[in-house]
Amino acid sequence: MAYRQPITKPEVDQIRGVDSGYILRQLLEKMLIRVSGRADSPGKPLLYKTTKYFLKHFDINSVDELPKPREIDEILKDDDMADHRRLLMERQMELEDEDAEELFDHYVEKREDEEGGNSENKEDAQADADESPDGDIDEMDEKREEIDTERTVNENDDSDSSDEQNKNENGEDRKE
């Protein structure tokens, strides 16, 4: 898509050889692409383009900086790329561990507040957590939802600022 934008869903389907509806919805939800208008072909299909968030995500300033299609195979075969993918996966796991630790810390603080600070350390709190009633689990789920909501709000704030940059003085989308 990034190489042939603006592009319609039927064109993406033809390139991929399969229906692309699901993947387009996923890219739209992740704000990596946006609808940029309609094509002048029969049925007036939607045109899709990459967003500023797409550029930011891939740490580039324009789609011209994307690797050429023939360079992609070389990049994927490179040993450094395999190391980079491994590091990205490890970092994702660290982030998930940090979220779990934050949830646990929140639970420990809540238990200590309720018990007047009787829990000596995290091991005691963990033992308490293992025996906790369903209400405590619900509170942890609520905290997890709160963290996810904060993340979503932060991601949306990033995309909102890029959308504002795409408006001209009349409040219409700029043509790129």
C-alpha atoms as a PDB file:
ATOM      1  CA  MET A   1       0.000   0.000   0.000  1.00  0.00           C
ATOM      2  CA  ALA A   2       2.704   2.440   0.985  1.00  0.00           C
ATOM      3  CA  TYR A   3       4.372   2.075  -2.401  1.00  0.00           C
ATOM      4  CA  ARG A   4       1.231   2.529  -4.520  1.00  0.00           C
ATOM      5  CA  GLN A   5      -0.859   4.996  -2.541  1.00  0.00           C
ATOM      6  CA  PRO A   6      -3.483   6.205  -2.874  1.00  0.00           C
ATOM      7  CA  ILE A   7      -4.839   2.720  -3.499  1.00  0.00           C
ATOM      8  CA  THR A   8      -8.267   1.069  -3.439  1.00  0.00           C
ATOM      9  CA  LYS A   9      -9.269  -2.164  -1.717  1.00  0.00           C
ATOM     10  CA  PRO A  10      -9.818  -3.971  -5.059  1.00  0.00           C
ATOM     11  CA  GLU A  11      -6.269  -3.005  -6.080  1.00  0.00           C
ATOM     12  CA  VAL A  12      -4.902  -4.322  -2.770  1.00  0.00           C
ATOM     13  CA  ASP A  13      -6.947  -7.518  -3.221  1.00  0.00           C
ATOM     14  CA  GLN A  14      -5.489  -7.977  -6.702  1.00  0.00           C
ATOM     15  CA  ILE A  15      -1.900  -7.503  -5.495  1.00  0.00           C
ATOM     16  CA  ARG A  16      -2.322  -9.834  -2.514  1.00  0.00           C
ATOM     17  CA  GLY A  17      -4.488 -12.380  -4.321  1.00  0.00           C
ATOM     18  CA  VAL A  18      -6.914 -12.573  -1.375  1.00  0.00           C
ATOM     19  CA  ASP A  19      -9.631 -10.451   0.206  1.00  0.00           C
ATOM     20  CA  SER A  20      -7.990  -7.598   2.128  1.00  0.00           C
ATOM     21  CA  GLY A  21     -10.993  -6.298   4.046  1.00  0.00           C
ATOM     22  CA  TYR A  22      -9.807  -7.629   7.401  1.00  0.00           C
ATOM     23  CA  ILE A  23      -6.249  -6.356   7.092  1.00  0.00           C
ATOM     24  CA  LEU A  24      -7.441  -2.929   5.936  1.00  0.00           C
ATOM     25  CA  ARG A  25      -9.720  -2.705   8.988  1.00  0.00           C
ATOM     26  CA  GLN A  26      -6.797  -3.665  11.228  1.00  0.00           C
ATOM     27  CA  LEU A  27      -4.550  -1.021   9.651  1.00  0.00           C
ATOM     28  CA  LEU A  28      -7.312   1.578  10.014  1.00  0.00           C
ATOM     29  CA  GLU A  29      -7.812   0.665  13.688  1.00  0.00           C
ATOM     30  CA  LYS A  30      -4.082   0.946  14.308  1.00  0.00           C
ATOM     31  CA  MET A  31      -4.191   4.311  12.509  1.00  0.00           C
ATOM     32  CA  LEU A  32      -1.458   3.270  10.082  1.00  0.00           C
ATOM     33  CA  ILE A  33      -3.680   4.078   7.091  1.00  0.00           C
ATOM     34  CA  ARG A  34      -6.581   6.457   6.474  1.00  0.00           C
ATOM     35  CA  VAL A  35      -9.299   6.999   3.880  1.00  0.00           C
ATOM     36  CA  SER A  36      -8.151   9.779   1.589  1.00  0.00           C
ATOM     37  CA  GLY A  37     -11.098   9.993  -0.770  1.00  0.00           C
ATOM     38  CA  ARG A  38     -12.842   8.004  -3.490  1.00  0.00           C
ATOM     39  CA  ALA A  39     -11.582   6.769  -6.841  1.00  0.00           C
ATOM     40  CA  ASP A  40     -13.255   7.897 -10.078  1.00  0.00           C
ATOM     41  CA  SER A  41     -13.719   4.257 -11.122  1.00  0.00           C
ATOM     42  CA  PRO A  42     -17.042   2.355 -11.141  1.00  0.00           C
ATOM     43  CA  GLY A  43     -18.502   1.998  -7.669  1.00  0.00           C
ATOM     44  CA  LYS A  44     -16.360   4.884  -6.387  1.00  0.00           C
ATOM     45  CA  PRO A  45     -14.173   2.690  -4.107  1.00  0.00           C
ATOM     46  CA  LEU A  46     -12.426   4.278  -1.131  1.00  0.00           C
ATOM     47  CA  LEU A  47      -8.833   5.377  -1.554  1.00  0.00           C
ATOM     48  CA  TYR A  48      -6.366   4.562   1.223  1.00  0.00           C
ATOM     49  CA  LYS A  49      -3.118   6.308   2.153  1.00  0.00           C
ATOM     50  CA  THR A  50      -0.609   5.923   4.946  1.00  0.00           C
ATOM     51  CA  THR A  51      -0.799   8.296   7.925  1.00  0.00           C
ATOM     52  CA  LYS A  52       1.746  10.443   9.722  1.00  0.00           C
ATOM     53  CA  TYR A  53       1.606   7.805  12.461  1.00  0.00           C
ATOM     54  CA  PHE A  54       2.743   5.220   9.876  1.00  0.00           C
ATOM     55  CA  LEU A  55       5.782   7.356   9.128  1.00  0.00           C
ATOM     56  CA  LYS A  56       6.472   7.869  12.822  1.00  0.00           C
ATOM     57  CA  HIS A  57       6.037   4.151  13.547  1.00  0.00           C
ATOM     58  CA  PHE A  58       8.648   3.248  10.940  1.00  0.00           C
ATOM     59  CA  ASP A  59      10.854   6.214  11.897  1.00  0.00           C
ATOM     60  CA  ILE A  60      10.841   7.787   8.449  1.00  0.00           C
ATOM     61  CA  ASN A  61       9.980  11.249   7.172  1.00  0.00           C
ATOM     62  CA  SER A  62       8.300  10.216   3.914  1.00  0.00           C
ATOM     63  CA  VAL A  63       7.344   7.055   2.049  1.00  0.00           C
ATOM     64  CA  ASP A  64      10.233   7.781  -0.313  1.00  0.00           C
ATOM     65  CA  GLU A  65      12.519   6.587   2.502  1.00  0.00           C
ATOM     66  CA  LEU A  66      10.969   3.103   2.505  1.00  0.00           C
ATOM     67  CA  PRO A  67      13.287   0.376   1.195  1.00  0.00           C
ATOM     68  CA  LYS A  68      12.772  -0.593  -2.410  1.00  0.00           C
ATOM     69  CA  PRO A  69      10.890  -3.901  -2.814  1.00  0.00           C
ATOM     70  CA  ARG A  70      14.010  -5.659  -4.092  1.00  0.00           C
ATOM     71  CA  GLU A  71      15.936  -4.501  -1.004  1.00  0.00           C
ATOM     72  CA  ILE A  72      13.419  -6.034   1.406  1.00  0.00           C
ATOM     73  CA  ASP A  73      14.547  -9.622   0.735  1.00  0.00           C
ATOM     74  CA  GLU A  74      18.147  -8.625   1.417  1.00  0.00           C
ATOM     75  CA  ILE A  75      17.160  -6.881   4.648  1.00  0.00           C
ATOM     76  CA  LEU A  76      15.171  -9.885   5.882  1.00  0.00           C
ATOM     77  CA  LYS A  77      18.058 -12.256   5.134  1.00  0.00           C
ATOM     78  CA  ASP A  78      20.528 -10.077   7.019  1.00  0.00           C
ATOM     79  CA  ASP A  79      21.684 -11.535  10.367  1.00  0.00           C
ATOM     80  CA  ASP A  80      21.422  -8.099  11.975  1.00  0.00           C
ATOM     81  CA  MET A  81      17.726  -8.051  11.095  1.00  0.00           C
ATOM     82  CA  ALA A  82      17.213 -11.374  12.897  1.00  0.00           C
ATOM     83  CA  ASP A  83      18.932  -9.892  15.961  1.00  0.00           C
ATOM     84  CA  HIS A  84      16.757  -6.781  15.675  1.00  0.00           C
ATOM     85  CA  ARG A  85      13.559  -8.872  15.530  1.00  0.00           C
ATOM     86  CA  ARG A  86      14.721 -10.831  18.586  1.00  0.00           C
ATOM     87  CA  LEU A  87      15.398  -7.601  20.492  1.00  0.00           C
ATOM     88  CA  LEU A  88      11.960  -6.232  19.543  1.00  0.00           C
ATOM     89  CA  MET A  89      10.289  -9.390  20.821  1.00  0.00           C
ATOM     90  CA  GLU A  90      12.273  -9.227  24.075  1.00  0.00           C
ATOM     91  CA  ARG A  91      11.299  -5.571  24.554  1.00  0.00           C
ATOM     92  CA  GLN A  92       7.624  -6.418  24.005  1.00  0.00           C
ATOM     93  CA  MET A  93       7.881  -9.115  26.675  1.00  0.00           C
ATOM     94  CA  GLU A  94       9.547  -6.621  29.046  1.00  0.00           C
ATOM     95  CA  LEU A  95       6.692  -4.165  28.515  1.00  0.00           C
ATOM     96  CA  GLU A  96       4.161  -6.874  29.282  1.00  0.00           C
ATOM     97  CA  ASP A  97       6.142  -7.800  32.421  1.00  0.00           C
ATOM     98  CA  GLU A  98       6.174  -4.136  33.485  1.00  0.00           C
ATOM     99  CA  ASP A  99       2.392  -3.995  33.087  1.00  0.00           C
ATOM    100  CA  ALA A 100       2.009  -7.149  35.175  1.00  0.00           C
ATOM    101  CA  GLU A 101       4.330  -5.756  37.843  1.00  0.00           C
ATOM    102  CA  GLU A 102       2.387  -2.479  37.915  1.00  0.00           C
ATOM    103  CA  LEU A 103      -0.860  -4.410  38.398  1.00  0.00           C
ATOM    104  CA  PHE A 104       0.704  -6.463  41.170  1.00  0.00           C
ATOM    105  CA  ASP A 105       2.139  -3.368  42.889  1.00  0.00           C
ATOM    106  CA  HIS A 106      -1.290  -1.734  42.742  1.00  0.00           C
ATOM    107  CA  TYR A 107      -2.820  -4.836  44.304  1.00  0.00           C
ATOM    108  CA  VAL A 108      -0.165  -4.913  47.071  1.00  0.00           C
ATOM    109  CA  GLU A 109      -0.736  -1.242  47.887  1.00  0.00           C
ATOM    110  CA  LYS A 110      -4.479  -1.784  48.050  1.00  0.00           C
ATOM    111  CA  ARG A 111      -4.108  -4.805  50.328  1.00  0.00           C
ATOM    112  CA  GLU A 112      -1.714  -2.919  52.595  1.00  0.00           C
ATOM    113  CA  ASP A 113      -4.125   0.002  52.808  1.00  0.00           C
ATOM    114  CA  GLU A 114      -6.996  -2.320  53.676  1.00  0.00           C
ATOM    115  CA  GLU A 115      -4.975  -4.205  56.295  1.00  0.00           C
ATOM    116  CA  GLY A 116      -3.361  -1.115  57.757  1.00  0.00           C
ATOM    117  CA  GLY A 117       0.072  -1.955  56.380  1.00  0.00           C
ATOM    118  CA  ASN A 118       0.294  -5.458  57.911  1.00  0.00           C
ATOM    119  CA  SER A 119       1.853  -7.051  54.830  1.00  0.00           C
ATOM    120  CA  GLU A 120       5.601  -7.186  55.388  1.00  0.00           C
ATOM    121  CA  ASN A 121       6.653  -7.718  51.781  1.00  0.00           C
ATOM    122  CA  LYS A 122       5.561  -8.738  48.303  1.00  0.00           C
ATOM    123  CA  GLU A 123       5.850 -12.476  49.071  1.00  0.00           C
ATOM    124  CA  ASP A 124       3.213 -12.105  51.775  1.00  0.00           C
ATOM    125  CA  ALA A 125       1.056 -10.118  49.387  1.00  0.00           C
ATOM    126  CA  GLN A 126       1.516 -12.780  46.708  1.00  0.00           C
ATOM    127  CA  ALA A 127       0.416 -15.468  49.178  1.00  0.00           C
ATOM    128  CA  ASP A 128      -2.602 -13.304  50.007  1.00  0.00           C
ATOM    129  CA  ALA A 129      -3.290 -12.851  46.292  1.00  0.00           C
ATOM    130  CA  ASP A 130      -3.289 -16.612  45.761  1.00  0.00           C
ATOM    131  CA  GLU A 131      -6.065 -16.904  48.360  1.00  0.00           C
ATOM    132  CA  SER A 132      -7.931 -13.728  47.346  1.00  0.00           C
ATOM    133  CA  PRO A 133     -11.672 -13.725  46.681  1.00  0.00           C
ATOM    134  CA  ASP A 134     -13.108 -12.923  43.255  1.00  0.00           C
ATOM    135  CA  GLY A 135     -13.626  -9.262  44.201  1.00  0.00           C
ATOM    136  CA  ASP A 136      -9.859  -8.692  44.295  1.00  0.00           C
ATOM    137  CA  ILE A 137      -9.484 -10.234  40.845  1.00  0.00           C
ATOM    138  CA  ASP A 138     -12.160  -7.866  39.560  1.00  0.00           C
ATOM    139  CA  GLU A 139     -10.187  -4.925  40.968  1.00  0.00           C
ATOM    140  CA  MET A 140      -7.039  -6.144  39.180  1.00  0.00           C
ATOM    141  CA  ASP A 141      -9.012  -6.455  35.950  1.00  0.00           C
ATOM    142  CA  GLU A 142     -10.276  -2.895  36.399  1.00  0.00           C
ATOM    143  CA  LYS A 143      -6.710  -1.652  36.898  1.00  0.00           C
ATOM    144  CA  ARG A 144      -5.598  -3.527  33.754  1.00  0.00           C
ATOM    145  CA  GLU A 145      -8.419  -1.873  31.785  1.00  0.00           C
ATOM    146  CA  GLU A 146      -7.363   1.491  33.196  1.00  0.00           C
ATOM    147  CA  ILE A 147      -3.777   0.944  31.985  1.00  0.00           C
ATOM    148  CA  ASP A 148      -5.011  -0.161  28.539  1.00  0.00           C
ATOM    149  CA  THR A 149      -7.260   2.913  28.346  1.00  0.00           C
ATOM    150  CA  GLU A 150      -4.331   5.199  29.197  1.00  0.00           C
ATOM    151  CA  ARG A 151      -2.297   3.564  26.441  1.00  0.00           C
ATOM    152  CA  THR A 152      -5.115   3.978  23.913  1.00  0.00           C
ATOM    153  CA  VAL A 153      -5.620   7.626  24.886  1.00  0.00           C
ATOM    154  CA  ASN A 154      -1.900   8.299  24.437  1.00  0.00           C
ATOM    155  CA  GLU A 155      -1.910   6.609  21.019  1.00  0.00           C
ATOM    156  CA  ASN A 156      -5.026   8.572  19.993  1.00  0.00           C
ATOM    157  CA  ASP A 157      -3.449  11.844  21.140  1.00  0.00           C
ATOM    158  CA  ASP A 158      -0.518  11.148  18.802  1.00  0.00           C
ATOM    159  CA  SER A 159      -2.847  10.521  15.852  1.00  0.00           C
ATOM    160  CA  ASP A 160      -5.061  13.523  16.646  1.00  0.00           C
ATOM    161  CA  SER A 161      -2.105  15.880  16.388  1.00  0.00           C
ATOM    162  CA  SER A 162      -1.134  14.412  13.014  1.00  0.00           C
ATOM    163  CA  ASP A 163      -4.755  14.725  11.810  1.00  0.00           C
ATOM    164  CA  GLU A 164      -4.790  18.406  12.785  1.00  0.00           C
ATOM    165  CA  GLN A 165      -1.660  18.954  10.717  1.00  0.00           C
ATOM    166  CA  ASN A 166      -3.542  17.535   7.729  1.00  0.00           C
ATOM    167  CA  LYS A 167      -6.211  20.253   7.856  1.00  0.00           C
ATOM    168  CA  ASN A 168      -5.866  23.508   5.962  1.00  0.00           C
ATOM    169  CA  GLU A 169      -7.227  26.867   7.031  1.00  0.00           C
ATOM    170  CA  ASN A 170     -10.750  26.019   5.791  1.00  0.00           C
ATOM    171  CA  GLY A 171     -10.843  22.833   7.881  1.00  0.00           C
ATOM    172  CA  GLU A 172     -10.617  20.581   4.819  1.00  0.00           C
ATOM    173  CA  ASP A 173      -8.168  17.722   4.430  1.00  0.00           C
ATOM    174  CA  ARG A 174      -5.035  18.665   2.566  1.00  0.00           C
ATOM    175  CA  LYS A 175      -4.320  16.736  -0.593  1.00  0.00           C
ATOM    176  CA  GLU A 176      -0.949  15.058  -0.284  1.00  0.00           C
END
